[in-house]
Amino acid sequence: MRGKITIAALGLVCLGSACALPVRHATVPAVAMACPRGCPDQFPVQGQAAVDEMLRHPTVVEQARQMVRTSERALHANYEKGERFHPMIEEELARQGIPAELGLIPLLESSYQPKAGGRSVRGLWQLAGATARAYGLTVNGRVDERLDPRKSTRAAAAYLDDLYDRFEDWGLAIAAYNAGPARIEWALRRRPGADVFDLVRARLLPAVTRRYVPKLMATALVLAEPESLAHVSQDGRRPS
């Protein structure tokens, strides 16, 4: 029987050649190894208030409503395909201080298929080879650690952490995970101070990225509290 789903914590993927090389290898603080299911007290979540604000954005609320009307059952079924990975993803993202909602990225990217991918991206997080190597994964003709769910999750979380440090905004970090940080910086030079929804409206992002952030946030909203969407006003506010 399906109950209310607690969102697991995942990280985003660098797709294709659009992603610039990350700047460090994935690391896990030694203290984290003693913490079952992550260490939220030792490693507080970064920028959760901004994620909560995105969840209330009218674009996200409307997309979530559409999902409830048209595809809620399929969404839950796809989410449940990754049930065996959810605790691990939650733990790895907690260690990096990544908001839990970003743990749904593998749902969008690979439908929780660890061996998914093509020539340039592979794994649960659909990491590009160059990004995976820069975050400490072995990728060569014999070994591809992108196919290791825990190692790829740890690398993706570290990459997301760096993107957040770079843009100081989770919406922009998620967009950069999808389109590459260089493309986001290009867009921000044309719209200084813009948030991700400003860039979407201005059509300064690739079409797939314009859909990506609202879809991720709407998915989180539907999985967390579908029963509340009928009571959310058009401007995204819930009744007190």
Foldseek 3Di string as FASTA:
>chain_A
DDDQDDFFAFFAAADDPLADADDAAQDFDPVLVPDQLADCPVQPAPPVVLLVVLLLALLLLVVLVVCLVPPLVVLVVLVVVQVVCRSLNNHLLRRLNHDRLNRCNLCVVPSNQQADDDDAFGGSNRYGPSRLVRHPFDDDPPDGCSSVSNSVRSSRSVQLSRLCVVVVHNQLSNLCNYRYNVLSVVLCVVVPPDGNQVCLVVVSGPPVSSVPSSVSSSSVVCSRPVPQSVQADSRRDHDD
